């Protein structure tokens, strides 16, 4: 499977280590083309896409942290963490002990419907803060074929 770099939110991106709360992590995708003309269209109703979250480096916590990951859109690039962003799909809350390296946290089909201009990942930390951990998060057309492989970079 080829992964489009422009559909990647997080590539070994560190979890937010703040206390319980909601945080925007990784990159944001701008769904609006920079220029439009008669030959430019935005087609968000093409083939199915899936939101995938995978643990890159095991998560740790001084307490019993839980993590949930949501795909959300908003009118501004700094996607709101106060609940006003449009949430499209989300994982369940997962205990820190289950967030081990290589674990597939979530893979779900994006729902059709209206999306605001910017798309990003919200990390919802519950109970206690994370002290470490990294995730990968991206959109793909074929999650069943996705596998984690070593970078093969020396």
N, C-alpha and C. Protein backbone atom coordinates (compact mmCIF):
# COMPACT_ATOMS: atom_id res chain seq x y z
N UNK A 1 0.84 -1.18 0.00
CA UNK A 1 0.00 0.00 0.00
C UNK A 1 0.88 1.24 0.00
N UNK A 2 0.51 2.19 -0.81
CA UNK A 2 1.19 3.48 -0.82
C UNK A 2 0.41 4.43 0.07
N UNK A 3 1.14 5.22 0.83
CA UNK A 3 0.51 6.19 1.73
C UNK A 3 0.80 7.58 1.20
N UNK A 4 -0.25 8.33 0.95
CA UNK A 4 -0.12 9.70 0.46
C UNK A 4 0.29 10.60 1.62
N UNK A 5 1.44 11.24 1.50
CA UNK A 5 1.96 12.11 2.56
C UNK A 5 0.99 13.23 2.90
N UNK A 6 0.18 13.64 1.95
CA UNK A 6 -0.78 14.72 2.20
C UNK A 6 -2.02 14.24 2.95
N UNK A 7 -2.14 12.95 3.14
CA UNK A 7 -3.26 12.40 3.92
C UNK A 7 -2.79 11.89 5.28
N UNK A 8 -1.62 12.33 5.69
CA UNK A 8 -1.02 11.88 6.95
C UNK A 8 -1.12 13.00 7.99
N UNK A 9 -1.74 12.68 9.12
CA UNK A 9 -1.86 13.64 10.22
C UNK A 9 -0.68 13.54 11.17
N UNK A 10 -0.25 12.32 11.45
CA UNK A 10 0.80 12.11 12.45
C UNK A 10 1.72 10.99 11.99
N UNK A 11 3.01 11.24 12.03
CA UNK A 11 4.02 10.24 11.69
C UNK A 11 5.00 10.19 12.84
N UNK A 12 4.81 9.24 13.73
CA UNK A 12 5.60 9.14 14.97
C UNK A 12 5.51 10.46 15.74
N UNK A 13 4.29 10.97 15.86
CA UNK A 13 4.04 12.22 16.56
C UNK A 13 3.79 11.94 18.03
N UNK A 14 4.46 12.70 18.89
CA UNK A 14 4.34 12.50 20.34
C UNK A 14 2.93 12.83 20.82
N UNK A 15 2.44 12.01 21.75
CA UNK A 15 1.17 12.30 22.40
C UNK A 15 1.32 13.56 23.24
N UNK A 16 0.23 14.30 23.40
CA UNK A 16 0.27 15.47 24.26
C UNK A 16 0.37 14.99 25.70
N UNK A 17 1.26 15.58 26.47
CA UNK A 17 1.50 15.13 27.84
C UNK A 17 0.83 16.03 28.88
N UNK A 18 -0.11 16.86 28.44
CA UNK A 18 -0.88 17.66 29.38
C UNK A 18 -1.85 16.77 30.16
N UNK A 19 -2.49 17.32 31.14
CA UNK A 19 -3.44 16.56 31.96
C UNK A 19 -4.66 16.15 31.17
N UNK A 20 -5.66 15.65 31.88
CA UNK A 20 -6.90 15.23 31.24
C UNK A 20 -7.49 16.39 30.44
N UNK A 21 -7.85 16.14 29.19
CA UNK A 21 -8.39 17.18 28.32
C UNK A 21 -8.30 16.78 26.87
N UNK A 22 -8.65 17.71 25.99
CA UNK A 22 -8.65 17.47 24.55
C UNK A 22 -7.58 18.33 23.89
N UNK A 23 -6.80 17.72 22.99
CA UNK A 23 -5.68 18.41 22.36
C UNK A 23 -5.65 18.11 20.86
N UNK A 24 -5.30 19.12 20.06
CA UNK A 24 -5.06 18.93 18.63
C UNK A 24 -3.63 18.44 18.49
N UNK A 25 -3.44 17.30 17.80
CA UNK A 25 -2.09 16.78 17.61
C UNK A 25 -1.83 16.54 16.13
N UNK A 26 -0.57 16.66 15.75
CA UNK A 26 -0.17 16.39 14.37
C UNK A 26 -0.55 17.50 13.41
N UNK A 27 -0.58 17.14 12.13
CA UNK A 27 -0.85 18.09 11.06
C UNK A 27 -2.35 18.19 10.78
N UNK A 28 -2.71 19.22 10.04
CA UNK A 28 -4.09 19.47 9.65
C UNK A 28 -4.14 19.46 8.12
N UNK A 29 -5.21 18.91 7.56
CA UNK A 29 -5.39 18.88 6.11
C UNK A 29 -6.38 19.96 5.72
N UNK A 30 -6.00 20.80 4.74
CA UNK A 30 -6.87 21.84 4.20
C UNK A 30 -7.66 21.21 3.06
N UNK A 31 -8.97 21.14 3.22
CA UNK A 31 -9.82 20.49 2.22
C UNK A 31 -10.22 21.41 1.06
N UNK A 32 -9.86 22.68 1.15
CA UNK A 32 -10.24 23.63 0.10
C UNK A 32 -9.03 23.91 -0.79
N UNK A 33 -9.20 23.82 -2.11
CA UNK A 33 -8.08 24.13 -2.99
C UNK A 33 -7.70 25.60 -2.84
N UNK A 34 -6.41 25.90 -3.06
CA UNK A 34 -5.93 27.27 -2.89
C UNK A 34 -6.53 28.22 -3.93
N UNK A 35 -6.79 27.72 -5.11
CA UNK A 35 -7.45 28.53 -6.13
C UNK A 35 -8.55 27.70 -6.78
N UNK A 36 -9.55 28.36 -7.23
CA UNK A 36 -10.61 27.65 -7.95
C UNK A 36 -10.86 28.36 -9.28
N UNK A 37 -11.17 27.56 -10.27
CA UNK A 37 -11.59 28.10 -11.56
C UNK A 37 -12.53 27.08 -12.17
N UNK A 38 -12.92 27.28 -13.40
CA UNK A 38 -13.88 26.38 -14.03
C UNK A 38 -13.37 24.96 -14.16
N UNK A 39 -12.06 24.76 -14.11
CA UNK A 39 -11.49 23.42 -14.26
C UNK A 39 -11.15 22.76 -12.92
N UNK A 40 -11.43 23.44 -11.82
CA UNK A 40 -11.10 22.90 -10.50
C UNK A 40 -12.38 22.54 -9.76
N UNK A 41 -12.43 21.33 -9.27
CA UNK A 41 -13.57 20.91 -8.45
C UNK A 41 -13.05 20.21 -7.20
N UNK A 42 -13.87 20.20 -6.18
CA UNK A 42 -13.54 19.48 -4.96
C UNK A 42 -14.46 18.28 -4.89
N UNK A 43 -13.91 17.09 -4.96
CA UNK A 43 -14.71 15.87 -4.92
C UNK A 43 -14.42 15.12 -3.64
N UNK A 44 -15.27 15.30 -2.64
CA UNK A 44 -15.11 14.59 -1.38
C UNK A 44 -16.00 13.36 -1.34
N UNK A 45 -16.71 13.09 -2.42
CA UNK A 45 -17.62 11.95 -2.46
C UNK A 45 -17.09 10.86 -3.39
N UNK A 46 -15.78 10.78 -3.54
CA UNK A 46 -15.18 9.76 -4.40
C UNK A 46 -15.16 8.41 -3.71
N UNK A 47 -14.05 7.70 -3.81
CA UNK A 47 -13.95 6.38 -3.18
C UNK A 47 -13.85 6.52 -1.67
N UNK A 48 -14.16 5.43 -0.98
CA UNK A 48 -14.15 5.43 0.48
C UNK A 48 -12.75 5.65 1.02
N UNK A 49 -12.67 6.41 2.11
CA UNK A 49 -11.42 6.60 2.84
C UNK A 49 -11.62 6.13 4.27
N UNK A 50 -10.54 5.69 4.87
CA UNK A 50 -10.58 5.18 6.24
C UNK A 50 -9.60 5.97 7.10
N UNK A 51 -10.02 6.27 8.33
CA UNK A 51 -9.18 6.94 9.32
C UNK A 51 -8.49 5.85 10.13
N UNK A 52 -7.15 5.87 10.14
CA UNK A 52 -6.37 4.84 10.81
C UNK A 52 -5.46 5.49 11.85
N UNK A 53 -5.45 4.92 13.07
CA UNK A 53 -4.55 5.37 14.13
C UNK A 53 -3.80 4.14 14.63
N UNK A 54 -2.47 4.27 14.69
CA UNK A 54 -1.61 3.17 15.12
C UNK A 54 -0.58 3.71 16.11
N UNK A 55 -0.21 2.91 17.11
CA UNK A 55 0.80 3.31 18.09
C UNK A 55 2.17 3.07 17.48
N UNK A 56 3.01 4.11 17.48
CA UNK A 56 4.38 4.00 16.99
C UNK A 56 5.31 3.61 18.14
N UNK A 57 5.22 4.35 19.24
CA UNK A 57 6.02 4.10 20.44
C UNK A 57 5.06 3.95 21.61
N UNK A 58 5.24 2.92 22.41
CA UNK A 58 4.32 2.62 23.51
C UNK A 58 4.07 3.84 24.39
N UNK A 59 2.83 4.00 24.80
CA UNK A 59 2.44 5.10 25.68
C UNK A 59 2.72 4.73 27.13
N UNK A 60 3.08 5.74 27.91
CA UNK A 60 3.28 5.55 29.35
C UNK A 60 2.56 6.67 30.09
N UNK A 61 2.30 6.42 31.37
CA UNK A 61 1.62 7.40 32.21
C UNK A 61 2.01 7.17 33.65
N UNK A 62 2.07 8.24 34.42
CA UNK A 62 2.32 8.12 35.85
C UNK A 62 1.09 7.63 36.58
N UNK A 63 -0.05 7.62 35.92
CA UNK A 63 -1.31 7.16 36.49
C UNK A 63 -1.97 6.16 35.57
N UNK A 64 -3.27 6.24 35.49
CA UNK A 64 -4.01 5.30 34.64
C UNK A 64 -4.67 6.06 33.49
N UNK A 65 -3.86 6.66 32.64
CA UNK A 65 -4.36 7.47 31.53
C UNK A 65 -5.16 6.62 30.54
N UNK A 66 -6.10 7.28 29.89
CA UNK A 66 -6.81 6.69 28.75
C UNK A 66 -6.68 7.65 27.59
N UNK A 67 -6.68 7.11 26.38
CA UNK A 67 -6.58 7.94 25.19
C UNK A 67 -7.67 7.61 24.20
N UNK A 68 -8.25 8.64 23.62
CA UNK A 68 -9.24 8.48 22.56
C UNK A 68 -8.81 9.41 21.43
N UNK A 69 -9.05 8.99 20.20
CA UNK A 69 -8.63 9.78 19.04
C UNK A 69 -9.84 10.04 18.15
N UNK A 70 -10.04 11.32 17.83
CA UNK A 70 -11.20 11.74 17.04
C UNK A 70 -10.73 12.45 15.77
N UNK A 71 -11.42 12.19 14.68
CA UNK A 71 -11.20 12.94 13.44
C UNK A 71 -12.23 14.06 13.44
N UNK A 72 -11.76 15.30 13.39
CA UNK A 72 -12.66 16.44 13.48
C UNK A 72 -12.33 17.46 12.40
N UNK A 73 -13.33 18.27 12.05
CA UNK A 73 -13.09 19.36 11.10
C UNK A 73 -13.58 20.67 11.72
N UNK A 74 -13.00 21.77 11.22
CA UNK A 74 -13.34 23.08 11.75
C UNK A 74 -13.09 24.12 10.66
N UNK A 75 -13.60 25.31 10.86
CA UNK A 75 -13.42 26.40 9.90
C UNK A 75 -12.03 27.00 9.98
N UNK A 76 -11.31 26.78 11.08
CA UNK A 76 -9.96 27.32 11.23
C UNK A 76 -8.96 26.19 11.36
N UNK A 77 -7.70 26.47 11.00
CA UNK A 77 -6.65 25.45 11.04
C UNK A 77 -6.35 24.98 12.45
N UNK A 78 -6.48 25.87 13.43
CA UNK A 78 -6.30 25.48 14.84
C UNK A 78 -7.64 24.90 15.30
N UNK A 79 -7.88 23.65 14.97
CA UNK A 79 -9.17 23.01 15.24
C UNK A 79 -9.52 23.13 16.72
N UNK A 80 -10.73 23.57 16.99
CA UNK A 80 -11.18 23.82 18.36
C UNK A 80 -11.18 22.54 19.19
N UNK A 81 -10.75 22.68 20.43
CA UNK A 81 -10.73 21.54 21.36
C UNK A 81 -11.80 21.69 22.44
N UNK A 82 -12.68 22.67 22.27
CA UNK A 82 -13.71 22.94 23.28
C UNK A 82 -15.05 22.28 22.97
N UNK A 83 -15.07 21.41 21.95
CA UNK A 83 -16.30 20.72 21.59
C UNK A 83 -17.06 21.38 20.46
N UNK A 84 -16.59 22.53 19.96
CA UNK A 84 -17.32 23.22 18.89
C UNK A 84 -16.93 22.74 17.49
N UNK A 85 -15.84 21.98 17.36
CA UNK A 85 -15.45 21.41 16.07
C UNK A 85 -16.43 20.30 15.69
N UNK A 86 -16.54 20.02 14.41
CA UNK A 86 -17.40 18.93 13.95
C UNK A 86 -16.64 17.62 14.05
N UNK A 87 -17.13 16.70 14.88
CA UNK A 87 -16.48 15.39 15.04
C UNK A 87 -17.11 14.40 14.08
N UNK A 88 -16.26 13.69 13.33
CA UNK A 88 -16.76 12.78 12.30
C UNK A 88 -16.68 11.32 12.69
N UNK A 89 -15.62 10.92 13.35
CA UNK A 89 -15.43 9.52 13.72
C UNK A 89 -14.43 9.47 14.87
N UNK A 90 -14.58 8.48 15.75
CA UNK A 90 -13.70 8.42 16.92
C UNK A 90 -13.47 6.99 17.38
N UNK A 91 -12.31 6.79 17.99
CA UNK A 91 -12.00 5.50 18.61
C UNK A 91 -12.67 5.45 19.98
N UNK A 92 -12.65 4.31 20.60
CA UNK A 92 -13.06 4.19 21.99
C UNK A 92 -11.93 4.72 22.86
N UNK A 93 -12.21 5.02 24.12
CA UNK A 93 -11.15 5.37 25.07
C UNK A 93 -10.36 4.09 25.36
N UNK A 94 -9.04 4.18 25.28
CA UNK A 94 -8.18 3.01 25.42
C UNK A 94 -7.21 3.23 26.57
N UNK A 95 -7.08 2.25 27.44
CA UNK A 95 -6.18 2.35 28.59
C UNK A 95 -4.73 2.38 28.15
N UNK A 96 -3.90 3.09 28.91
CA UNK A 96 -2.48 3.25 28.58
C UNK A 96 -1.78 1.90 28.43
N UNK A 97 -2.14 0.92 29.22
CA UNK A 97 -1.51 -0.40 29.14
C UNK A 97 -1.75 -1.08 27.79
N UNK A 98 -2.82 -0.70 27.10
CA UNK A 98 -3.14 -1.30 25.80
C UNK A 98 -2.50 -0.56 24.63
N UNK A 99 -1.92 0.60 24.88
CA UNK A 99 -1.31 1.39 23.81
C UNK A 99 0.15 0.99 23.63
N UNK A 100 0.34 -0.22 23.13
CA UNK A 100 1.68 -0.79 22.93
C UNK A 100 2.16 -0.55 21.50
N UNK A 101 3.46 -0.53 21.31
CA UNK A 101 4.05 -0.26 20.00
C UNK A 101 3.50 -1.21 18.94
N UNK A 102 3.10 -0.65 17.81
CA UNK A 102 2.58 -1.44 16.70
C UNK A 102 1.09 -1.72 16.76
N UNK A 103 0.44 -1.39 17.86
CA UNK A 103 -0.99 -1.70 18.01
C UNK A 103 -1.83 -0.83 17.08
N UNK A 104 -2.76 -1.47 16.40
CA UNK A 104 -3.74 -0.74 15.60
C UNK A 104 -4.83 -0.28 16.56
N UNK A 105 -4.92 1.01 16.78
CA UNK A 105 -5.87 1.57 17.73
C UNK A 105 -7.25 1.68 17.11
N UNK A 106 -7.29 2.12 15.84
CA UNK A 106 -8.58 2.37 15.22
C UNK A 106 -8.43 2.38 13.70
N UNK A 107 -9.41 1.84 13.02
CA UNK A 107 -9.54 1.94 11.56
C UNK A 107 -11.03 2.00 11.27
N UNK A 108 -11.50 3.13 10.80
CA UNK A 108 -12.92 3.29 10.53
C UNK A 108 -13.17 4.10 9.27
N UNK A 109 -14.24 3.74 8.58
CA UNK A 109 -14.61 4.42 7.33
C UNK A 109 -15.13 5.82 7.63
N UNK A 110 -14.65 6.79 6.88
CA UNK A 110 -15.13 8.15 7.05
C UNK A 110 -16.59 8.24 6.64
N UNK A 111 -17.39 8.87 7.47
CA UNK A 111 -18.79 9.03 7.08
C UNK A 111 -18.93 10.08 5.98
N UNK A 112 -19.91 9.90 5.11
CA UNK A 112 -20.15 10.93 4.10
C UNK A 112 -20.90 12.06 4.79
N UNK A 113 -20.90 13.20 4.18
CA UNK A 113 -21.57 14.35 4.77
C UNK A 113 -20.72 15.59 4.66
N UNK A 114 -21.10 16.60 5.39
CA UNK A 114 -20.41 17.89 5.32
C UNK A 114 -19.21 17.92 6.23
N UNK A 115 -18.10 18.37 5.67
CA UNK A 115 -16.86 18.57 6.42
C UNK A 115 -16.52 20.06 6.34
N UNK A 116 -16.01 20.60 7.43
CA UNK A 116 -15.55 21.97 7.40
C UNK A 116 -14.20 22.01 6.69
N UNK A 117 -13.61 23.20 6.54
CA UNK A 117 -12.42 23.37 5.70
C UNK A 117 -11.21 22.57 6.17
N UNK A 118 -10.93 22.54 7.47
CA UNK A 118 -9.72 21.90 7.99
C UNK A 118 -10.05 20.61 8.72
N UNK A 119 -9.24 19.58 8.49
CA UNK A 119 -9.46 18.26 9.07
C UNK A 119 -8.24 17.88 9.90
N UNK A 120 -8.46 17.41 11.13
CA UNK A 120 -7.34 17.05 11.99
C UNK A 120 -7.72 16.04 13.05
N UNK A 121 -6.74 15.67 13.88
CA UNK A 121 -6.92 14.64 14.91
C UNK A 121 -6.92 15.29 16.29
N UNK A 122 -7.93 14.94 17.08
CA UNK A 122 -8.00 15.38 18.46
C UNK A 122 -7.67 14.21 19.37
N UNK A 123 -6.79 14.44 20.32
CA UNK A 123 -6.44 13.44 21.34
C UNK A 123 -7.22 13.82 22.60
N UNK A 124 -8.01 12.88 23.10
CA UNK A 124 -8.75 13.11 24.34
C UNK A 124 -8.08 12.27 25.42
N UNK A 125 -7.46 12.94 26.38
CA UNK A 125 -6.78 12.27 27.48
C UNK A 125 -7.72 12.24 28.67
N UNK A 126 -7.91 11.05 29.23
CA UNK A 126 -8.77 10.91 30.39
C UNK A 126 -8.00 10.43 31.60
N UNK A 127 -8.46 10.76 32.77
CA UNK A 127 -7.97 10.31 34.07
C UNK A 127 -6.63 10.92 34.46
N UNK A 128 -5.56 10.61 33.74
CA UNK A 128 -4.21 11.10 34.08
C UNK A 128 -3.46 11.43 32.80
N UNK A 129 -2.39 12.20 32.94
CA UNK A 129 -1.59 12.60 31.78
C UNK A 129 -0.73 11.46 31.26
N UNK A 130 -0.47 11.49 29.96
CA UNK A 130 0.54 10.60 29.38
C UNK A 130 1.91 11.19 29.68
N UNK A 131 2.91 10.34 29.85
CA UNK A 131 4.28 10.82 30.04
C UNK A 131 5.13 10.56 28.80
N UNK A 132 4.67 9.69 27.91
CA UNK A 132 5.38 9.41 26.66
C UNK A 132 4.46 8.63 25.74
N UNK A 133 4.91 8.48 24.50
CA UNK A 133 4.17 7.72 23.50
C UNK A 133 4.06 8.49 22.21
N UNK A 134 4.00 7.76 21.09
CA UNK A 134 3.88 8.37 19.77
C UNK A 134 2.87 7.58 18.94
N UNK A 135 2.17 8.30 18.05
CA UNK A 135 1.20 7.64 17.18
C UNK A 135 1.44 7.99 15.72
N UNK A 136 0.85 7.17 14.86
CA UNK A 136 0.72 7.45 13.44
C UNK A 136 -0.78 7.56 13.18
N UNK A 137 -1.19 8.56 12.41
CA UNK A 137 -2.60 8.73 12.06
C UNK A 137 -2.68 9.21 10.62
N UNK A 138 -3.54 8.59 9.84
CA UNK A 138 -3.61 8.93 8.41
C UNK A 138 -4.92 8.46 7.82
N UNK A 139 -5.18 8.88 6.58
CA UNK A 139 -6.32 8.41 5.80
C UNK A 139 -5.79 7.49 4.72
N UNK A 140 -6.51 6.41 4.45
CA UNK A 140 -6.11 5.47 3.42
C UNK A 140 -7.35 4.87 2.77
N UNK A 141 -7.19 4.39 1.55
CA UNK A 141 -8.30 3.76 0.84
C UNK A 141 -8.37 2.27 1.10
N UNK A 142 -7.31 1.67 1.64
CA UNK A 142 -7.29 0.21 1.83
C UNK A 142 -6.68 -0.19 3.18
N UNK A 143 -7.41 0.00 4.27
CA UNK A 143 -6.85 -0.31 5.59
C UNK A 143 -6.61 -1.79 5.81
N UNK A 144 -7.34 -2.65 5.14
CA UNK A 144 -7.15 -4.09 5.34
C UNK A 144 -5.78 -4.53 4.85
N UNK A 145 -5.21 -3.79 3.92
CA UNK A 145 -3.90 -4.14 3.38
C UNK A 145 -2.76 -3.41 4.08
N UNK A 146 -3.09 -2.50 4.99
CA UNK A 146 -2.06 -1.71 5.65
C UNK A 146 -1.32 -2.54 6.68
N UNK A 147 0.00 -2.45 6.66
CA UNK A 147 0.85 -3.13 7.64
C UNK A 147 1.98 -2.19 8.04
N UNK A 148 2.42 -2.29 9.27
CA UNK A 148 3.56 -1.50 9.73
C UNK A 148 4.84 -2.24 9.38
N UNK A 149 5.78 -1.55 8.77
CA UNK A 149 7.07 -2.12 8.43
C UNK A 149 8.17 -1.21 8.97
N UNK A 150 9.33 -1.78 9.17
CA UNK A 150 10.48 -0.99 9.61
C UNK A 150 10.82 0.03 8.53
N UNK A 151 11.38 1.16 8.95
CA UNK A 151 11.72 2.22 8.01
C UNK A 151 12.87 1.85 7.08
N UNK A 152 13.72 0.91 7.49
CA UNK A 152 14.90 0.52 6.72
C UNK A 152 15.81 1.71 6.45
N UNK A 153 15.86 2.60 7.41
CA UNK A 153 16.73 3.77 7.31
C UNK A 153 17.79 3.63 8.38
N UNK A 154 19.04 3.71 7.99
CA UNK A 154 20.13 3.56 8.96
C UNK A 154 20.45 4.87 9.62
